[in-house]
Amino acid sequence: MVKNSLRVVVLAYLAMLLVIPVSIVVYHAFNAGIGPVIDALTTPAALHAFQITAVVTFYAVLANTVFGVVTALLLVRYRFPGKRILNALIDLPLAVSPVIVGLALVLVYGRTTGTGRALADVGINIIFSIPGMVIATVFVCIPLVVRAVAPVLEEIGDEQEQAAATLGAGGWQTFRRITLPAIRGALAYGVVLALARSLGEYGAIAVVSGRLVGRTQTVTLFVQERYQNFDQRAAYASAVVLVVTAIVALLISRALRPKELVR
């Protein structure tokens, strides 16, 4: 009896907060057929928003993949002063609001700051441009690859790596032939999570991008801008694309999730 009651409560909770709202968005997107949805998604503004999102996501995921693997190896394979502090800092993006992250980046790299002016003098603009959006997205995704790879590195140990080093293998050769195949599933899992998180980022992007239509507008910003300007068809259609992408990423991540991460 208690088990069934708890199940009903959980399902009702998920339905009210997730299933029903998403279903309403999908309904409003397709209530006039698929033609208007396609038209809304193929406007120059929508296509540009998807293009900007793809560029930002690509570089953010690439940076987080490299950083995540290197950091996981550092935390698992080595002992050094400040290791606990670094381990705690990895989870900082989970505790800090993305809006605060965006504000901090503006205060550091804004065009009125010393760093911002110095970079602008050599032709590099961070705030209100793609680099700033990438940095903001990288920050919010930092823990995902690290926390996916580190437990697997701990599980497999370093015996095979030490054996390879004893036989004369170099560091890169050992990583490519032994470490990488062992963490491949966990790495793919973390990359998919970072991809989904990057595609849906809003708070930090909204601050550092300036929300410039046709220049720094991602899909999430496009959804808000279109909805506020009463172009609800475009807003709903773009939101559905994000929802479908999130669902696909979730299914892929569940399929790739290593057994070591399943509880």
C-alpha atoms as a PDB file:
ATOM      1  CA  MET A   1       0.000   0.000   0.000  1.00  0.00           C
ATOM      2  CA  VAL A   2       2.754   2.423   0.976  1.00  0.00           C
ATOM      3  CA  LYS A   3       4.778   1.484  -2.108  1.00  0.00           C
ATOM      4  CA  ASN A   4       1.850   2.156  -4.439  1.00  0.00           C
ATOM      5  CA  SER A   5       1.062   5.448  -2.712  1.00  0.00           C
ATOM      6  CA  LEU A   6       4.645   6.641  -3.070  1.00  0.00           C
ATOM      7  CA  ARG A   7       4.626   5.610  -6.711  1.00  0.00           C
ATOM      8  CA  VAL A   8       1.474   7.634  -7.358  1.00  0.00           C
ATOM      9  CA  VAL A   9       2.958  10.673  -5.615  1.00  0.00           C
ATOM     10  CA  VAL A  10       6.178  10.483  -7.630  1.00  0.00           C
ATOM     11  CA  LEU A  11       4.365  10.003 -10.942  1.00  0.00           C
ATOM     12  CA  ALA A  12       1.980  12.869 -10.177  1.00  0.00           C
ATOM     13  CA  TYR A  13       4.914  15.088  -9.247  1.00  0.00           C
ATOM     14  CA  LEU A  14       6.735  14.305 -12.497  1.00  0.00           C
ATOM     15  CA  ALA A  15       3.549  14.738 -14.506  1.00  0.00           C
ATOM     16  CA  MET A  16       2.828  18.182 -13.065  1.00  0.00           C
ATOM     17  CA  LEU A  17       6.381  19.510 -13.416  1.00  0.00           C
ATOM     18  CA  LEU A  18       7.607  17.753 -16.542  1.00  0.00           C
ATOM     19  CA  VAL A  19       5.215  15.707 -18.645  1.00  0.00           C
ATOM     20  CA  ILE A  20       2.237  18.081 -18.777  1.00  0.00           C
ATOM     21  CA  PRO A  21       4.220  21.302 -19.462  1.00  0.00           C
ATOM     22  CA  VAL A  22       6.291  19.651 -22.184  1.00  0.00           C
ATOM     23  CA  SER A  23       3.186  18.088 -23.719  1.00  0.00           C
ATOM     24  CA  ILE A  24       1.496  21.486 -23.857  1.00  0.00           C
ATOM     25  CA  VAL A  25       4.513  22.974 -25.665  1.00  0.00           C
ATOM     26  CA  VAL A  26       4.468  20.143 -28.195  1.00  0.00           C
ATOM     27  CA  TYR A  27       0.705  20.531 -28.684  1.00  0.00           C
ATOM     28  CA  HIS A  28       0.928  24.269 -29.335  1.00  0.00           C
ATOM     29  CA  ALA A  29       3.796  23.706 -31.763  1.00  0.00           C
ATOM     30  CA  PHE A  30       1.912  21.180 -33.897  1.00  0.00           C
ATOM     31  CA  ASN A  31      -1.737  22.167 -33.419  1.00  0.00           C
ATOM     32  CA  ALA A  32      -1.776  23.738 -36.906  1.00  0.00           C
ATOM     33  CA  GLY A  33       0.171  20.932 -38.548  1.00  0.00           C
ATOM     34  CA  ILE A  34       3.811  20.336 -39.337  1.00  0.00           C
ATOM     35  CA  GLY A  35       3.993  22.910 -42.160  1.00  0.00           C
ATOM     36  CA  PRO A  36       3.995  26.005 -39.911  1.00  0.00           C
ATOM     37  CA  VAL A  37       6.606  24.346 -37.682  1.00  0.00           C
ATOM     38  CA  ILE A  38       8.944  23.802 -40.612  1.00  0.00           C
ATOM     39  CA  ASP A  39       8.363  27.363 -41.798  1.00  0.00           C
ATOM     40  CA  ALA A  40       9.143  28.707 -38.320  1.00  0.00           C
ATOM     41  CA  LEU A  41      12.340  26.683 -38.061  1.00  0.00           C
ATOM     42  CA  THR A  42      13.666  27.678 -41.485  1.00  0.00           C
ATOM     43  CA  THR A  43      13.536  31.462 -41.119  1.00  0.00           C
ATOM     44  CA  PRO A  44      16.931  33.218 -41.321  1.00  0.00           C
ATOM     45  CA  ALA A  45      16.742  34.188 -37.630  1.00  0.00           C
ATOM     46  CA  ALA A  46      15.991  30.626 -36.522  1.00  0.00           C
ATOM     47  CA  LEU A  47      18.685  29.101 -38.718  1.00  0.00           C
ATOM     48  CA  HIS A  48      21.229  31.606 -37.436  1.00  0.00           C
ATOM     49  CA  ALA A  49      20.283  30.789 -33.842  1.00  0.00           C
ATOM     50  CA  PHE A  50      20.806  27.091 -34.525  1.00  0.00           C
ATOM     51  CA  GLN A  51      24.128  27.853 -36.187  1.00  0.00           C
ATOM     52  CA  ILE A  52      25.363  29.910 -33.217  1.00  0.00           C
ATOM     53  CA  THR A  53      24.205  27.194 -30.829  1.00  0.00           C
ATOM     54  CA  ALA A  54      26.056  24.536 -32.819  1.00  0.00           C
ATOM     55  CA  VAL A  55      29.288  26.561 -32.859  1.00  0.00           C
ATOM     56  CA  VAL A  56      29.191  27.351 -29.143  1.00  0.00           C
ATOM     57  CA  THR A  57      28.267  23.776 -28.257  1.00  0.00           C
ATOM     58  CA  PHE A  58      31.018  22.279 -30.419  1.00  0.00           C
ATOM     59  CA  TYR A  59      33.814  24.316 -28.860  1.00  0.00           C
ATOM     60  CA  ALA A  60      32.433  23.995 -25.326  1.00  0.00           C
ATOM     61  CA  VAL A  61      32.125  20.208 -25.558  1.00  0.00           C
ATOM     62  CA  LEU A  62      35.571  19.924 -27.149  1.00  0.00           C
ATOM     63  CA  ALA A  63      37.158  22.006 -24.381  1.00  0.00           C
ATOM     64  CA  ASN A  64      35.325  20.117 -21.640  1.00  0.00           C
ATOM     65  CA  THR A  65      36.289  16.754 -23.124  1.00  0.00           C
ATOM     66  CA  VAL A  66      39.994  17.574 -23.081  1.00  0.00           C
ATOM     67  CA  PHE A  67      39.845  19.310 -19.703  1.00  0.00           C
ATOM     68  CA  GLY A  68      37.661  16.580 -18.203  1.00  0.00           C
ATOM     69  CA  VAL A  69      39.968  13.725 -19.169  1.00  0.00           C
ATOM     70  CA  VAL A  70      43.121  15.560 -18.073  1.00  0.00           C
ATOM     71  CA  THR A  71      41.563  16.601 -14.765  1.00  0.00           C
ATOM     72  CA  ALA A  72      40.184  13.130 -14.053  1.00  0.00           C
ATOM     73  CA  LEU A  73      43.625  11.615 -14.671  1.00  0.00           C
ATOM     74  CA  LEU A  74      45.207  14.227 -12.435  1.00  0.00           C
ATOM     75  CA  LEU A  75      42.769  13.635  -9.578  1.00  0.00           C
ATOM     76  CA  VAL A  76      42.838   9.834  -9.750  1.00  0.00           C
ATOM     77  CA  ARG A  77      46.411   9.031 -10.718  1.00  0.00           C
ATOM     78  CA  TYR A  78      48.421  11.647  -8.824  1.00  0.00           C
ATOM     79  CA  ARG A  79      48.823  13.117  -5.359  1.00  0.00           C
ATOM     80  CA  PHE A  80      49.678  16.791  -5.040  1.00  0.00           C
ATOM     81  CA  PRO A  81      49.113  19.735  -2.675  1.00  0.00           C
ATOM     82  CA  GLY A  82      45.670  21.268  -3.132  1.00  0.00           C
ATOM     83  CA  LYS A  83      44.104  18.122  -4.566  1.00  0.00           C
ATOM     84  CA  ARG A  84      41.075  18.361  -2.275  1.00  0.00           C
ATOM     85  CA  ILE A  85      40.583  21.997  -3.170  1.00  0.00           C
ATOM     86  CA  LEU A  86      40.711  21.217  -6.897  1.00  0.00           C
ATOM     87  CA  ASN A  87      38.296  18.335  -6.392  1.00  0.00           C
ATOM     88  CA  ALA A  88      35.869  20.675  -4.647  1.00  0.00           C
ATOM     89  CA  LEU A  89      36.245  23.413  -7.266  1.00  0.00           C
ATOM     90  CA  ILE A  90      35.214  20.964 -10.006  1.00  0.00           C
ATOM     91  CA  ASP A  91      31.721  20.882  -8.514  1.00  0.00           C
ATOM     92  CA  LEU A  92      31.490  24.668  -8.108  1.00  0.00           C
ATOM     93  CA  PRO A  93      29.385  25.150 -11.292  1.00  0.00           C
ATOM     94  CA  LEU A  94      26.721  22.921  -9.741  1.00  0.00           C
ATOM     95  CA  ALA A  95      26.366  25.314  -6.808  1.00  0.00           C
ATOM     96  CA  VAL A  96      26.767  28.697  -8.527  1.00  0.00           C
ATOM     97  CA  SER A  97      23.952  30.224 -10.554  1.00  0.00           C
ATOM     98  CA  PRO A  98      24.818  30.513 -14.270  1.00  0.00           C
ATOM     99  CA  VAL A  99      23.685  34.148 -14.143  1.00  0.00           C
ATOM    100  CA  ILE A 100      26.380  34.847 -11.552  1.00  0.00           C
ATOM    101  CA  VAL A 101      28.902  33.105 -13.804  1.00  0.00           C
ATOM    102  CA  GLY A 102      27.918  35.373 -16.663  1.00  0.00           C
ATOM    103  CA  LEU A 103      28.178  38.469 -14.473  1.00  0.00           C
ATOM    104  CA  ALA A 104      31.615  37.400 -13.233  1.00  0.00           C
ATOM    105  CA  LEU A 105      32.816  36.990 -16.806  1.00  0.00           C
ATOM    106  CA  VAL A 106      31.544  40.458 -17.676  1.00  0.00           C
ATOM    107  CA  LEU A 107      33.406  41.917 -14.694  1.00  0.00           C
ATOM    108  CA  VAL A 108      36.626  40.188 -15.764  1.00  0.00           C
ATOM    109  CA  TYR A 109      36.477  40.386 -19.570  1.00  0.00           C
ATOM    110  CA  GLY A 110      34.144  43.344 -20.140  1.00  0.00           C
ATOM    111  CA  ARG A 111      35.357  46.025 -22.512  1.00  0.00           C
ATOM    112  CA  THR A 112      35.670  48.540 -19.678  1.00  0.00           C
ATOM    113  CA  THR A 113      37.996  46.289 -17.660  1.00  0.00           C
ATOM    114  CA  GLY A 114      41.766  46.123 -17.968  1.00  0.00           C
ATOM    115  CA  THR A 115      41.711  42.553 -19.248  1.00  0.00           C
ATOM    116  CA  GLY A 116      38.923  43.293 -21.709  1.00  0.00           C
ATOM    117  CA  ARG A 117      40.686  46.366 -23.106  1.00  0.00           C
ATOM    118  CA  ALA A 118      43.983  44.496 -23.431  1.00  0.00           C
ATOM    119  CA  LEU A 119      42.313  41.690 -25.372  1.00  0.00           C
ATOM    120  CA  ALA A 120      40.373  44.172 -27.509  1.00  0.00           C
ATOM    121  CA  ASP A 121      43.623  45.886 -28.459  1.00  0.00           C
ATOM    122  CA  VAL A 122      44.802  42.662 -30.102  1.00  0.00           C
ATOM    123  CA  GLY A 123      41.447  42.073 -31.782  1.00  0.00           C
ATOM    124  CA  ILE A 124      39.911  39.644 -29.290  1.00  0.00           C
ATOM    125  CA  ASN A 125      36.475  40.469 -27.913  1.00  0.00           C
ATOM    126  CA  ILE A 126      35.161  38.159 -25.204  1.00  0.00           C
ATOM    127  CA  ILE A 127      31.926  39.705 -23.992  1.00  0.00           C
ATOM    128  CA  PHE A 128      29.016  40.032 -26.455  1.00  0.00           C
ATOM    129  CA  SER A 129      30.747  37.601 -28.819  1.00  0.00           C
ATOM    130  CA  ILE A 130      31.223  33.882 -29.421  1.00  0.00           C
ATOM    131  CA  PRO A 131      34.355  33.449 -27.223  1.00  0.00           C
ATOM    132  CA  GLY A 132      32.535  34.710 -24.148  1.00  0.00           C
ATOM    133  CA  MET A 133      29.583  32.438 -24.840  1.00  0.00           C
ATOM    134  CA  VAL A 134      31.918  29.467 -25.190  1.00  0.00           C
ATOM    135  CA  ILE A 135      33.705  30.290 -21.931  1.00  0.00           C
ATOM    136  CA  ALA A 136      30.393  30.618 -20.089  1.00  0.00           C
ATOM    137  CA  THR A 137      29.173  27.303 -21.469  1.00  0.00           C
ATOM    138  CA  VAL A 138      32.447  25.575 -20.648  1.00  0.00           C
ATOM    139  CA  PHE A 139      32.169  26.735 -17.044  1.00  0.00           C
ATOM    140  CA  VAL A 140      28.675  25.363 -16.451  1.00  0.00           C
ATOM    141  CA  CYS A 141      29.659  21.997 -17.976  1.00  0.00           C
ATOM    142  CA  ILE A 142      32.969  21.499 -16.161  1.00  0.00           C
ATOM    143  CA  PRO A 143      31.911  18.696 -13.761  1.00  0.00           C
ATOM    144  CA  LEU A 144      30.160  16.463 -16.293  1.00  0.00           C
ATOM    145  CA  VAL A 145      33.064  14.772 -18.061  1.00  0.00           C
ATOM    146  CA  VAL A 146      35.276  14.746 -14.966  1.00  0.00           C
ATOM    147  CA  ARG A 147      32.666  13.043 -12.795  1.00  0.00           C
ATOM    148  CA  ALA A 148      31.888  10.523 -15.528  1.00  0.00           C
ATOM    149  CA  VAL A 149      35.491   9.491 -16.163  1.00  0.00           C
ATOM    150  CA  ALA A 150      37.040   9.633 -12.669  1.00  0.00           C
ATOM    151  CA  PRO A 151      35.087   6.699 -11.122  1.00  0.00           C
ATOM    152  CA  VAL A 152      36.016   4.440 -14.049  1.00  0.00           C
ATOM    153  CA  LEU A 153      39.690   5.362 -13.720  1.00  0.00           C
ATOM    154  CA  GLU A 154      39.509   4.430 -10.054  1.00  0.00           C
ATOM    155  CA  GLU A 155      37.776   1.158 -10.913  1.00  0.00           C
ATOM    156  CA  ILE A 156      40.295  -0.017 -13.514  1.00  0.00           C
ATOM    157  CA  GLY A 157      43.344   0.982 -11.470  1.00  0.00           C
ATOM    158  CA  ASP A 158      46.739   1.700 -12.977  1.00  0.00           C
ATOM    159  CA  GLU A 159      48.315  -1.775 -13.122  1.00  0.00           C
ATOM    160  CA  GLN A 160      48.053  -2.029 -16.909  1.00  0.00           C
ATOM    161  CA  GLU A 161      49.410   1.463 -17.355  1.00  0.00           C
ATOM    162  CA  GLN A 162      52.393   0.687 -15.136  1.00  0.00           C
ATOM    163  CA  ALA A 163      53.019  -2.536 -17.032  1.00  0.00           C
ATOM    164  CA  ALA A 164      52.988  -0.642 -20.333  1.00  0.00           C
ATOM    165  CA  ALA A 165      55.437   1.914 -18.948  1.00  0.00           C
ATOM    166  CA  THR A 166      57.706  -0.915 -17.775  1.00  0.00           C
ATOM    167  CA  LEU A 167      57.707  -2.338 -21.308  1.00  0.00           C
ATOM    168  CA  GLY A 168      58.842   1.021 -22.672  1.00  0.00           C
ATOM    169  CA  ALA A 169      55.578   2.613 -23.771  1.00  0.00           C
ATOM    170  CA  GLY A 170      55.472   6.388 -23.661  1.00  0.00           C
ATOM    171  CA  GLY A 171      52.809   8.442 -21.894  1.00  0.00           C
ATOM    172  CA  TRP A 172      50.767   9.173 -25.007  1.00  0.00           C
ATOM    173  CA  GLN A 173      51.075   5.604 -26.267  1.00  0.00           C
ATOM    174  CA  THR A 174      49.904   4.252 -22.906  1.00  0.00           C
ATOM    175  CA  PHE A 175      46.956   6.616 -22.856  1.00  0.00           C
ATOM    176  CA  ARG A 176      45.931   5.870 -26.437  1.00  0.00           C
ATOM    177  CA  ARG A 177      46.198   2.081 -26.252  1.00  0.00           C
ATOM    178  CA  ILE A 178      45.273   1.310 -22.632  1.00  0.00           C
ATOM    179  CA  THR A 179      43.616   4.197 -20.777  1.00  0.00           C
ATOM    180  CA  LEU A 180      41.404   5.552 -23.540  1.00  0.00           C
ATOM    181  CA  PRO A 181      39.825   2.194 -24.495  1.00  0.00           C
ATOM    182  CA  ALA A 182      39.094   1.554 -20.820  1.00  0.00           C
ATOM    183  CA  ILE A 183      37.330   4.884 -20.266  1.00  0.00           C
ATOM    184  CA  ARG A 184      35.718   5.126 -23.705  1.00  0.00           C
ATOM    185  CA  GLY A 185      32.190   4.384 -22.492  1.00  0.00           C
ATOM    186  CA  ALA A 186      32.415   6.765 -19.532  1.00  0.00           C
ATOM    187  CA  LEU A 187      33.930   9.466 -21.729  1.00  0.00           C
ATOM    188  CA  ALA A 188      31.142   9.133 -24.278  1.00  0.00           C
ATOM    189  CA  TYR A 189      28.606   9.337 -21.450  1.00  0.00           C
ATOM    190  CA  GLY A 190      30.159  12.523 -20.096  1.00  0.00           C
ATOM    191  CA  VAL A 191      30.416  14.062 -23.559  1.00  0.00           C
ATOM    192  CA  VAL A 192      26.728  13.429 -24.254  1.00  0.00           C
ATOM    193  CA  LEU A 193      25.796  15.031 -20.920  1.00  0.00           C
ATOM    194  CA  ALA A 194      28.002  18.037 -21.709  1.00  0.00           C
ATOM    195  CA  LEU A 195      26.408  18.273 -25.150  1.00  0.00           C
ATOM    196  CA  ALA A 196      22.881  18.289 -23.714  1.00  0.00           C
ATOM    197  CA  ARG A 197      23.851  20.816 -21.036  1.00  0.00           C
ATOM    198  CA  SER A 198      25.513  23.099 -23.573  1.00  0.00           C
ATOM    199  CA  LEU A 199      22.528  23.067 -25.918  1.00  0.00           C
ATOM    200  CA  GLY A 200      20.142  24.067 -23.142  1.00  0.00           C
ATOM    201  CA  GLU A 201      22.262  26.698 -21.387  1.00  0.00           C
ATOM    202  CA  TYR A 202      20.486  30.006 -20.902  1.00  0.00           C
ATOM    203  CA  GLY A 203      21.489  32.003 -17.805  1.00  0.00           C
ATOM    204  CA  ALA A 204      25.202  32.564 -18.379  1.00  0.00           C
ATOM    205  CA  ILE A 205      24.723  32.893 -22.140  1.00  0.00           C
ATOM    206  CA  ALA A 206      22.019  35.536 -21.662  1.00  0.00           C
ATOM    207  CA  VAL A 207      24.442  37.719 -19.686  1.00  0.00           C
ATOM    208  CA  VAL A 208      27.620  37.425 -21.759  1.00  0.00           C
ATOM    209  CA  SER A 209      26.008  37.365 -25.214  1.00  0.00           C
ATOM    210  CA  GLY A 210      24.100  40.619 -24.990  1.00  0.00           C
ATOM    211  CA  ARG A 211      21.214  38.804 -26.732  1.00  0.00           C
ATOM    212  CA  LEU A 212      22.095  40.422 -30.042  1.00  0.00           C
ATOM    213  CA  VAL A 213      19.596  39.172 -32.631  1.00  0.00           C
ATOM    214  CA  GLY A 214      21.359  37.812 -35.668  1.00  0.00           C
ATOM    215  CA  ARG A 215      24.749  37.913 -33.948  1.00  0.00           C
ATOM    216  CA  THR A 216      24.884  36.195 -30.549  1.00  0.00           C
ATOM    217  CA  GLN A 217      21.438  34.666 -30.225  1.00  0.00           C
ATOM    218  CA  THR A 218      21.361  30.964 -29.363  1.00  0.00           C
ATOM    219  CA  VAL A 219      18.250  28.808 -29.639  1.00  0.00           C
ATOM    220  CA  THR A 220      17.328  29.283 -25.966  1.00  0.00           C
ATOM    221  CA  LEU A 221      17.556  33.050 -26.367  1.00  0.00           C
ATOM    222  CA  PHE A 222      15.649  32.803 -29.631  1.00  0.00           C
ATOM    223  CA  VAL A 223      12.796  30.984 -27.876  1.00  0.00           C
ATOM    224  CA  GLN A 224      12.489  33.743 -25.277  1.00  0.00           C
ATOM    225  CA  GLU A 225      12.779  36.563 -27.801  1.00  0.00           C
ATOM    226  CA  ARG A 226      10.185  35.065 -30.160  1.00  0.00           C
ATOM    227  CA  TYR A 227       7.751  34.339 -27.343  1.00  0.00           C
ATOM    228  CA  GLN A 228       8.030  37.862 -25.946  1.00  0.00           C
ATOM    229  CA  ASN A 229       7.443  39.265 -29.432  1.00  0.00           C
ATOM    230  CA  PHE A 230       4.284  37.185 -29.868  1.00  0.00           C
ATOM    231  CA  ASP A 231       5.793  34.865 -32.480  1.00  0.00           C
ATOM    232  CA  GLN A 232       4.703  31.886 -30.434  1.00  0.00           C
ATOM    233  CA  ARG A 233       4.851  29.430 -33.316  1.00  0.00           C
ATOM    234  CA  ALA A 234       8.597  29.945 -33.692  1.00  0.00           C
ATOM    235  CA  ALA A 235       9.082  29.835 -29.930  1.00  0.00           C
ATOM    236  CA  TYR A 236       7.168  26.567 -29.540  1.00  0.00           C
ATOM    237  CA  ALA A 237       8.811  24.961 -32.572  1.00  0.00           C
ATOM    238  CA  SER A 238      12.315  25.810 -31.374  1.00  0.00           C
ATOM    239  CA  ALA A 239      11.470  24.639 -27.878  1.00  0.00           C
ATOM    240  CA  VAL A 240      10.316  21.300 -29.289  1.00  0.00           C
ATOM    241  CA  VAL A 241      13.665  20.900 -31.059  1.00  0.00           C
ATOM    242  CA  LEU A 242      15.445  21.450 -27.755  1.00  0.00           C
ATOM    243  CA  VAL A 243      13.144  18.986 -26.007  1.00  0.00           C
ATOM    244  CA  VAL A 244      13.670  16.304 -28.647  1.00  0.00           C
ATOM    245  CA  THR A 245      17.422  16.864 -28.525  1.00  0.00           C
ATOM    246  CA  ALA A 246      17.391  16.546 -24.731  1.00  0.00           C
ATOM    247  CA  ILE A 247      15.384  13.319 -24.881  1.00  0.00           C
ATOM    248  CA  VAL A 248      17.705  11.814 -27.490  1.00  0.00           C
ATOM    249  CA  ALA A 249      20.739  12.843 -25.428  1.00  0.00           C
ATOM    250  CA  LEU A 250      19.165  11.300 -22.339  1.00  0.00           C
ATOM    251  CA  LEU A 251      18.523   8.001 -24.110  1.00  0.00           C
ATOM    252  CA  ILE A 252      22.040   7.927 -25.517  1.00  0.00           C
ATOM    253  CA  SER A 253      23.568   8.755 -22.139  1.00  0.00           C
ATOM    254  CA  ARG A 254      21.591   5.981 -20.469  1.00  0.00           C
ATOM    255  CA  ALA A 255      22.789   3.518 -23.095  1.00  0.00           C
ATOM    256  CA  LEU A 256      26.397   4.639 -22.707  1.00  0.00           C
ATOM    257  CA  ARG A 257      26.356   4.927 -18.933  1.00  0.00           C
ATOM    258  CA  PRO A 258      29.040   2.626 -17.495  1.00  0.00           C
ATOM    259  CA  LYS A 259      28.002   0.072 -14.920  1.00  0.00           C
ATOM    260  CA  GLU A 260      30.404   1.687 -12.467  1.00  0.00           C
ATOM    261  CA  LEU A 261      28.194   4.788 -12.452  1.00  0.00           C
ATOM    262  CA  VAL A 262      24.900   2.941 -11.953  1.00  0.00           C
ATOM    263  CA  ARG A 263      23.592   2.833  -8.417  1.00  0.00           C
END
